[in-house]
Amino acid sequence: MRSVSRAAVVAIIALAIGAGAIYGFRSREISLPVLKPQMNVEVRVFGIGTVEAQVVSKVGFHLAGKIRAISADQGDVVKSGALLAKLDDDSQRAKLTKSEASVRQAAATLLKSQAQRDRAEVSYQQKKNVNARRQTLVGRGAVSQEAAEDAQTAEDIARGDLRLADAEVAVSRVLQDDAEAQRRIEAVLVNQHELRAPFDARVIARHKELGSVVNAGEAVFTLIEPDSIWIRAFIDETSAGGLQLGQKAKVRLRSEPLNTFDTEVVRIDQENDRVTEERRVYLRCRQCGPQHQIRFLGEQAEVEIVKGVIASGHFIPLKFVEQYDGRSGIIWLIQDNRLTRRQVEFGDRLLDGRIRIASDIPPGAAIVASDPAGLREGRAAKAKNAAEQGR
């Protein structure tokens, strides 16, 4: 009986010692890593996009015909007005030659009409003078009344012939204008057998080959304006706040994962995609030439847009935040050498998962940068020094 009592006493003492040790361990002051304010932190948003061109044109002939010559291929950089391709134009050139002959014929007809008009005017003046003399003489009785009437009739007939000649000249001028207009039409049609670049462009695709028969309006080449190449990126609505024109961005192409290209925001669509809930943002490289790597349309690209720079702030990983709801949460502080919990508001989120603490922190308090599991409010704590945090 006595041995049983001794065992019970020993067990109680052991439990007491263990409980004391545990309490002492849990109550001892602990060292925890804390956040340090960071300076000049860039707030970036991430998006996925593709290389596109703002100015894209599929060009073809106004007329149907057979391609006689092709002088451009994909990848070529051409100047505005450069000849790209040409249709067989023998028939149309024959029509142009005929219309030019018609213009010359109309010019000759006009000259003939003007000569006839000059002749009619001379005849009219002669008849007019004769009539004037006879009208003077008839009053004196020197000529008969019948002769005077014949002179008047001859003048009237000559006047009518002159008017008819004037009309013939006018008709000849109209016919000459019509012939010239027809010649210009035929010349335009000849020119339409040539396909020329509408602007300084780069050839993206050649859809037809030499000898192909094309229909009017059918695409022969696809052209882009090299300076209009940009990145069309899609940014999630939750990160799109604060995006503005002129903001700098880094672009990483799928074919060049180790390189980044400096760009800037040049357009932000005024309507978001209602299905994917994303905002379309366009970025352009200001120093990229025609042969720059950003020239292959459709290539995927990763985009990081710098929305702003925070001069100073605390940024905490979300894994150290409790009850985070997207706008606020609970963090742990060391204040007066004791652990305490504090509800705070959050601001910008960085691409590495850290989020800025927007609420004010009490003076002298340090933000705990540690897993909150196992922390107890009121426990003695101190901040680790730089050497301890580095280990």
Protein backbone atom coordinates (compact mmCIF):
# COMPACT_ATOMS: atom_id res chain seq x y z
CA MET A 1 0.00 0.00 0.00
CA ARG A 2 2.83 2.28 0.94
CA SER A 3 4.61 1.52 -2.36
CA VAL A 4 1.48 2.45 -4.30
CA SER A 5 1.27 5.78 -2.55
CA ARG A 6 4.92 6.45 -3.32
CA ALA A 7 4.35 5.71 -7.00
CA ALA A 8 1.38 8.07 -7.10
CA VAL A 9 3.40 10.82 -5.45
CA VAL A 10 6.24 10.30 -7.91
CA ALA A 11 3.80 10.44 -10.86
CA ILE A 12 2.21 13.63 -9.58
CA ILE A 13 5.60 15.22 -9.11
CA ALA A 14 6.64 14.18 -12.62
CA LEU A 15 3.46 15.60 -14.11
CA ALA A 16 3.94 18.82 -12.23
CA ILE A 17 7.53 19.09 -13.41
CA GLY A 18 6.44 18.34 -17.02
CA ALA A 19 3.60 20.83 -16.88
CA GLY A 20 5.93 23.44 -15.47
CA ALA A 21 8.45 22.75 -18.18
CA ILE A 22 5.80 23.00 -20.89
CA TYR A 23 4.40 26.18 -19.40
CA GLY A 24 7.87 27.61 -19.10
CA PHE A 25 8.64 26.66 -22.71
CA ARG A 26 5.41 28.18 -23.98
CA SER A 27 5.77 31.26 -21.84
CA ARG A 28 9.36 32.02 -22.68
CA GLU A 29 10.15 34.95 -24.92
CA ILE A 30 10.46 33.92 -28.56
CA SER A 31 12.27 35.59 -31.45
CA LEU A 32 10.27 36.02 -34.66
CA PRO A 33 11.18 37.44 -38.08
CA VAL A 34 9.54 40.77 -38.83
CA LEU A 35 8.89 42.80 -41.95
CA LYS A 36 11.10 45.69 -42.88
CA PRO A 37 9.72 48.58 -44.93
CA GLN A 38 10.71 48.38 -48.58
CA MET A 39 11.56 51.33 -50.75
CA ASN A 40 10.61 52.10 -54.37
CA VAL A 41 8.64 48.92 -54.97
CA GLU A 42 7.17 48.54 -58.47
CA VAL A 43 3.55 47.42 -58.56
CA ARG A 44 3.10 45.25 -61.64
CA VAL A 45 0.18 43.44 -63.20
CA PHE A 46 0.52 40.32 -65.30
CA GLY A 47 -1.24 39.45 -68.52
CA ILE A 48 -1.08 37.07 -71.46
CA GLY A 49 -1.28 38.41 -74.99
CA THR A 50 -0.27 37.98 -78.60
CA VAL A 51 1.69 39.97 -81.16
CA GLU A 52 -0.73 41.75 -83.50
CA ALA A 53 -0.74 44.62 -85.98
CA GLN A 54 -3.07 47.60 -85.82
CA VAL A 55 -2.95 48.16 -89.60
CA VAL A 56 -3.51 44.94 -91.58
CA SER A 57 -4.62 44.98 -95.21
CA LYS A 58 -5.46 42.17 -97.59
CA VAL A 59 -4.80 43.66 -101.02
CA GLY A 60 -5.86 42.43 -104.44
CA PHE A 61 -6.72 43.60 -107.95
CA HIS A 62 -9.84 45.55 -108.90
CA LEU A 63 -10.12 43.36 -111.99
CA ALA A 64 -10.11 39.66 -112.73
CA GLY A 65 -7.23 38.25 -114.74
CA LYS A 66 -4.10 36.13 -114.89
CA ILE A 67 -1.03 37.15 -112.91
CA ARG A 68 1.83 37.91 -115.28
CA ALA A 69 4.45 39.02 -112.74
CA ILE A 70 5.01 38.96 -108.97
CA SER A 71 7.73 41.13 -107.46
CA ALA A 72 7.24 40.70 -103.67
CA ASP A 73 7.22 37.86 -101.18
CA GLN A 74 6.47 37.44 -97.51
CA GLY A 75 8.96 39.17 -95.25
CA ASP A 76 9.73 41.89 -97.80
CA VAL A 77 9.54 45.51 -96.67
CA VAL A 78 8.11 47.65 -99.46
CA LYS A 79 7.63 51.38 -99.90
CA SER A 80 4.31 53.02 -100.65
CA GLY A 81 3.55 52.72 -104.37
CA ALA A 82 5.96 49.84 -104.95
CA LEU A 83 4.85 47.33 -107.60
CA LEU A 84 3.76 44.06 -105.99
CA ALA A 85 2.20 42.14 -108.90
CA LYS A 86 0.84 42.63 -112.42
CA LEU A 87 -1.97 41.11 -114.50
CA ASP A 88 -1.88 40.33 -118.22
CA ASP A 89 -2.95 43.69 -119.74
CA ASP A 90 -2.47 43.22 -123.52
CA SER A 91 -6.19 43.49 -124.27
CA GLN A 92 -6.62 46.56 -122.10
CA ARG A 93 -3.62 48.29 -123.65
CA ALA A 94 -5.16 47.72 -127.09
CA LYS A 95 -8.32 49.43 -125.85
CA LEU A 96 -6.21 52.31 -124.55
CA THR A 97 -4.52 52.66 -127.95
CA LYS A 98 -7.92 52.75 -129.64
CA SER A 99 -9.21 55.41 -127.24
CA GLU A 100 -6.08 57.52 -127.85
CA ALA A 101 -6.83 57.33 -131.58
CA SER A 102 -10.39 58.44 -130.86
CA VAL A 103 -9.00 61.45 -128.98
CA ARG A 104 -6.91 62.43 -132.01
CA GLN A 105 -9.90 61.94 -134.31
CA ALA A 106 -12.05 64.13 -132.08
CA ALA A 107 -9.36 66.80 -132.11
CA ALA A 108 -9.27 66.73 -135.93
CA THR A 109 -13.06 66.95 -136.11
CA LEU A 110 -12.97 69.98 -133.83
CA LEU A 111 -10.41 71.68 -136.08
CA LYS A 112 -12.62 70.98 -139.10
CA SER A 113 -15.67 72.38 -137.33
CA GLN A 114 -13.78 75.51 -136.32
CA ALA A 115 -12.63 76.02 -139.95
CA GLN A 116 -16.19 75.66 -141.21
CA ARG A 117 -17.34 78.09 -138.58
CA ASP A 118 -14.70 80.66 -139.67
CA ARG A 119 -15.87 80.26 -143.27
CA ALA A 120 -19.49 80.75 -142.24
CA GLU A 121 -18.57 83.88 -140.32
CA VAL A 122 -16.79 85.37 -143.37
CA SER A 123 -19.83 84.60 -145.55
CA TYR A 124 -22.14 86.17 -143.00
CA GLN A 125 -20.10 89.37 -142.80
CA GLN A 126 -20.08 89.64 -146.62
CA LYS A 127 -23.87 89.14 -146.85
CA LYS A 128 -24.39 91.59 -144.02
CA ASN A 129 -22.39 94.31 -145.77
CA VAL A 130 -24.19 93.75 -149.09
CA ASN A 131 -27.54 93.95 -147.37
CA ALA A 132 -26.57 97.18 -145.60
CA ARG A 133 -25.62 98.87 -148.93
CA ARG A 134 -28.79 97.73 -150.71
CA GLN A 135 -31.01 98.88 -147.87
CA THR A 136 -29.39 102.31 -148.22
CA LEU A 137 -29.85 102.37 -152.00
CA VAL A 138 -33.44 101.19 -151.98
CA GLY A 139 -34.37 104.37 -150.11
CA ARG A 140 -32.88 106.40 -152.95
CA GLY A 141 -34.56 104.35 -155.60
CA ALA A 142 -31.22 103.10 -156.95
CA VAL A 143 -32.18 99.41 -156.52
CA SER A 144 -35.46 97.65 -156.58
CA GLN A 145 -37.36 96.56 -153.50
CA GLU A 146 -37.00 92.94 -154.57
CA ALA A 147 -33.21 93.20 -154.68
CA ALA A 148 -33.19 94.70 -151.18
CA GLU A 149 -35.39 91.88 -149.89
CA ASP A 150 -33.07 89.28 -151.48
CA ALA A 151 -30.08 90.87 -149.76
CA GLN A 152 -31.88 90.77 -146.39
CA THR A 153 -32.76 87.10 -146.93
CA ALA A 154 -29.18 86.25 -147.85
CA GLU A 155 -27.96 87.92 -144.63
CA ASP A 156 -30.46 85.99 -142.51
CA ILE A 157 -29.44 82.69 -144.16
CA ALA A 158 -25.75 83.46 -143.57
CA ARG A 159 -26.50 84.27 -139.90
CA GLY A 160 -28.23 80.91 -139.52
CA ASP A 161 -25.30 79.10 -141.16
CA LEU A 162 -22.95 80.79 -138.66
CA ARG A 163 -25.07 79.67 -135.72
CA LEU A 164 -25.12 76.14 -137.13
CA ALA A 165 -21.33 76.22 -137.42
CA ASP A 166 -21.06 77.41 -133.79
CA ALA A 167 -23.22 74.44 -132.74
CA GLU A 168 -21.02 72.07 -134.73
CA VAL A 169 -17.95 73.43 -132.94
CA ALA A 170 -19.65 72.95 -129.55
CA VAL A 171 -20.58 69.37 -130.44
CA SER A 172 -17.02 68.68 -131.58
CA ARG A 173 -15.68 70.00 -128.25
CA VAL A 174 -18.08 67.73 -126.32
CA LEU A 175 -17.05 64.76 -128.45
CA GLN A 176 -13.41 65.59 -127.80
CA ASP A 177 -14.05 65.77 -124.03
CA ASP A 178 -15.91 62.44 -124.22
CA ALA A 179 -13.03 60.83 -126.08
CA GLU A 180 -10.53 62.18 -123.55
CA ALA A 181 -12.67 60.90 -120.65
CA GLN A 182 -12.86 57.48 -122.27
CA ARG A 183 -9.09 57.54 -122.73
CA ARG A 184 -8.62 58.29 -119.03
CA ILE A 185 -10.95 55.42 -118.12
CA GLU A 186 -8.96 53.02 -120.28
CA ALA A 187 -5.72 54.34 -118.77
CA VAL A 188 -7.09 53.79 -115.26
CA LEU A 189 -8.06 50.26 -116.20
CA VAL A 190 -4.54 49.68 -117.47
CA ASN A 191 -3.17 50.91 -114.14
CA GLN A 192 -5.57 48.61 -112.31
CA HIS A 193 -3.73 45.70 -113.86
CA GLU A 194 -0.88 46.66 -111.52
CA LEU A 195 -1.03 45.99 -107.76
CA ARG A 196 0.94 48.53 -105.76
CA ALA A 197 1.57 48.91 -102.03
CA PRO A 198 -0.93 51.38 -100.49
CA PHE A 199 1.53 52.36 -97.72
CA ASP A 200 5.00 51.56 -96.40
CA ALA A 201 4.43 47.94 -95.50
CA ARG A 202 5.81 44.52 -94.70
CA VAL A 203 4.47 41.54 -96.61
CA ILE A 204 3.03 38.99 -94.18
CA ALA A 205 1.67 36.50 -96.70
CA ARG A 206 1.56 35.90 -100.47
CA HIS A 207 -1.64 34.09 -101.37
CA LYS A 208 -1.22 33.71 -105.16
CA GLU A 209 1.59 32.64 -107.46
CA LEU A 210 2.70 33.46 -110.99
CA GLY A 211 0.14 32.35 -113.57
CA SER A 212 -2.75 32.17 -111.12
CA VAL A 213 -6.13 33.49 -112.25
CA VAL A 214 -7.63 35.80 -109.66
CA ASN A 215 -11.08 37.30 -109.26
CA ALA A 216 -11.73 40.96 -108.62
CA GLY A 217 -11.10 41.77 -104.96
CA GLU A 218 -9.45 38.41 -104.19
CA ALA A 219 -6.51 38.79 -101.80
CA VAL A 220 -3.07 38.39 -103.34
CA PHE A 221 -0.98 39.74 -100.44
CA THR A 222 -1.49 40.47 -96.75
CA LEU A 223 0.33 43.64 -95.70
CA ILE A 224 0.92 45.27 -92.35
CA GLU A 225 2.33 48.62 -91.39
CA PRO A 226 5.54 47.74 -89.47
CA ASP A 227 5.20 50.65 -87.05
CA SER A 228 1.69 49.48 -86.09
CA ILE A 229 2.82 46.18 -84.50
CA TRP A 230 1.77 45.91 -80.88
CA ILE A 231 1.01 43.42 -78.13
CA ARG A 232 -2.65 42.83 -77.33
CA ALA A 233 -2.76 41.65 -73.73
CA PHE A 234 -5.62 40.52 -71.50
CA ILE A 235 -5.56 41.72 -67.90
CA ASP A 236 -7.88 40.30 -65.23
CA GLU A 237 -10.41 42.86 -64.02
CA THR A 238 -9.28 42.40 -60.43
CA SER A 239 -5.81 43.68 -61.39
CA ALA A 240 -6.80 46.23 -64.04
CA GLY A 241 -7.44 49.13 -61.70
CA GLY A 242 -4.99 51.98 -62.19
CA LEU A 243 -3.94 51.08 -65.73
CA GLN A 244 -3.17 54.21 -67.75
CA LEU A 245 -1.77 55.18 -71.12
CA GLY A 246 1.98 55.65 -71.17
CA GLN A 247 2.75 53.16 -68.41
CA LYS A 248 5.91 51.12 -68.98
CA ALA A 249 5.80 47.37 -69.41
CA LYS A 250 8.04 44.37 -69.94
CA VAL A 251 7.21 41.85 -72.65
CA ARG A 252 8.60 38.33 -72.83
CA LEU A 253 7.98 36.38 -76.04
CA ARG A 254 7.37 32.67 -76.00
CA SER A 255 10.20 32.20 -78.50
CA GLU A 256 12.56 34.38 -76.41
CA PRO A 257 11.87 33.38 -72.78
CA LEU A 258 15.19 34.73 -71.53
CA ASN A 259 14.80 38.19 -73.07
CA THR A 260 12.48 41.04 -72.18
CA PHE A 261 11.48 43.98 -74.36
CA ASP A 262 10.60 47.46 -73.14
CA THR A 263 7.15 48.65 -74.24
CA GLU A 264 4.47 51.09 -73.12
CA VAL A 265 0.69 51.11 -72.96
CA VAL A 266 -0.77 52.88 -76.02
CA ARG A 267 -4.43 51.84 -75.88
CA ILE A 268 -6.89 50.51 -73.32
CA ASP A 269 -10.21 49.22 -74.64
CA GLN A 270 -13.20 51.01 -73.17
CA GLU A 271 -15.21 47.80 -72.91
CA ASN A 272 -14.11 44.70 -71.04
CA ASP A 273 -14.66 41.18 -72.29
CA ARG A 274 -17.93 40.17 -70.67
CA VAL A 275 -17.20 36.44 -70.85
CA THR A 276 -13.60 36.23 -69.64
CA GLU A 277 -13.92 39.35 -67.42
CA GLU A 278 -10.68 40.75 -68.76
CA ARG A 279 -9.54 44.13 -70.02
CA ARG A 280 -7.77 44.40 -73.36
CA VAL A 281 -4.61 46.48 -73.22
CA TYR A 282 -2.32 47.27 -76.16
CA LEU A 283 1.42 47.84 -75.80
CA ARG A 284 3.88 49.07 -78.39
CA CYS A 285 7.66 48.88 -78.59
CA ARG A 286 8.89 52.38 -79.44
CA GLN A 287 12.39 51.37 -80.52
CA CYS A 288 11.69 48.19 -82.49
CA GLY A 289 12.64 48.20 -86.16
CA PRO A 290 11.04 46.14 -88.97
CA GLN A 291 13.39 43.21 -88.26
CA HIS A 292 12.93 43.29 -84.49
CA GLN A 293 12.00 40.05 -82.75
CA ILE A 294 8.51 41.44 -82.08
CA ARG A 295 7.39 41.01 -85.66
CA PHE A 296 5.81 37.54 -85.86
CA LEU A 297 2.07 38.00 -85.63
CA GLY A 298 0.14 35.65 -83.39
CA GLU A 299 3.07 34.76 -81.12
CA GLN A 300 2.21 34.50 -77.45
CA ALA A 301 3.71 36.98 -75.04
CA GLU A 302 3.79 37.49 -71.30
CA VAL A 303 3.25 41.07 -70.17
CA GLU A 304 4.15 42.83 -66.93
CA ILE A 305 2.82 46.38 -66.72
CA VAL A 306 4.26 48.74 -64.12
CA LYS A 307 1.19 50.47 -62.65
CA GLY A 308 3.19 52.55 -60.21
CA VAL A 309 6.05 52.75 -57.74
CA ILE A 310 5.44 52.77 -53.98
CA ALA A 311 8.03 54.92 -52.27
CA SER A 312 7.85 53.03 -48.98
CA GLY A 313 5.62 50.32 -47.56
CA HIS A 314 5.25 46.96 -45.84
CA PHE A 315 4.53 43.95 -48.02
CA ILE A 316 3.47 40.70 -46.38
CA PRO A 317 3.03 37.24 -47.94
CA LEU A 318 -0.59 36.09 -47.82
CA LYS A 319 0.42 32.90 -46.01
CA PHE A 320 1.12 35.07 -42.96
CA VAL A 321 -2.37 36.61 -43.04
CA GLU A 322 -5.43 35.13 -41.32
CA GLN A 323 -9.04 35.50 -42.46
CA TYR A 324 -8.10 37.25 -45.69
CA ASP A 325 -11.23 38.26 -47.67
CA GLY A 326 -9.65 40.07 -50.61
CA ARG A 327 -9.60 43.47 -48.93
CA SER A 328 -8.69 42.93 -45.28
CA GLY A 329 -7.33 40.34 -42.87
CA ILE A 330 -5.58 39.77 -39.55
CA ILE A 331 -1.83 40.06 -39.05
CA TRP A 332 0.36 39.52 -35.99
CA LEU A 333 2.34 42.31 -34.39
CA ILE A 334 5.01 42.51 -31.73
CA GLN A 335 4.01 45.46 -29.58
CA ASP A 336 5.56 46.22 -26.20
CA ASN A 337 7.36 42.84 -26.43
CA ARG A 338 4.03 40.99 -26.65
CA LEU A 339 2.24 39.29 -29.51
CA THR A 340 -1.03 40.88 -30.60
CA ARG A 341 -3.44 40.41 -33.51
CA ARG A 342 -4.62 43.33 -35.63
CA GLN A 343 -7.23 43.73 -38.36
CA VAL A 344 -5.79 45.69 -41.29
CA GLU A 345 -6.74 46.78 -44.81
CA PHE A 346 -4.66 45.74 -47.81
CA GLY A 347 -3.71 47.56 -50.99
CA ASP A 348 -1.72 46.62 -54.06
CA ARG A 349 -0.74 43.01 -54.60
CA LEU A 350 2.65 42.14 -56.06
CA LEU A 351 3.30 39.43 -58.61
CA ASP A 352 5.23 37.33 -56.05
CA GLY A 353 2.12 37.03 -53.87
CA ARG A 354 2.95 39.71 -51.33
CA ILE A 355 0.37 42.36 -50.57
CA ARG A 356 0.81 45.88 -49.27
CA ILE A 357 -0.50 46.71 -45.81
CA ALA A 358 -2.55 49.87 -46.30
CA SER A 359 -3.52 50.46 -42.67
CA ASP A 360 -1.35 52.38 -40.23
CA ILE A 361 0.77 50.33 -37.84
CA PRO A 362 1.09 51.53 -34.23
CA PRO A 363 4.39 53.31 -33.49
CA GLY A 364 7.04 50.92 -32.24
CA ALA A 365 5.15 47.82 -33.39
CA ALA A 366 6.77 45.24 -35.68
CA ILE A 367 4.89 43.11 -38.21
CA VAL A 368 5.49 39.39 -37.75
CA ALA A 369 6.61 37.60 -40.89
CA SER A 370 5.94 34.07 -39.73
CA ASP A 371 3.34 31.33 -39.96
CA PRO A 372 0.58 32.35 -37.54
CA ALA A 373 -0.06 28.74 -36.50
CA GLY A 374 1.08 28.29 -32.89
CA LEU A 375 1.23 31.99 -32.08
CA ARG A 376 -0.60 33.06 -28.93
CA GLU A 377 -1.77 36.55 -28.20
CA GLY A 378 -0.01 38.09 -25.22
CA ARG A 379 3.05 35.87 -25.39
CA ALA A 380 6.40 37.52 -24.89
CA ALA A 381 8.19 38.02 -28.17
CA LYS A 382 10.92 40.03 -29.76
CA ALA A 383 12.03 40.71 -33.30
CA LYS A 384 14.90 38.75 -34.70
CA ASN A 385 17.89 40.84 -35.59
CA ALA A 386 19.26 40.93 -39.13
CA ALA A 387 21.89 38.26 -38.41
CA GLU A 388 19.29 35.88 -36.97
CA GLN A 389 16.90 36.41 -39.89
CA GLY A 390 19.69 35.69 -42.33
CA ARG A 391 20.38 32.27 -40.83
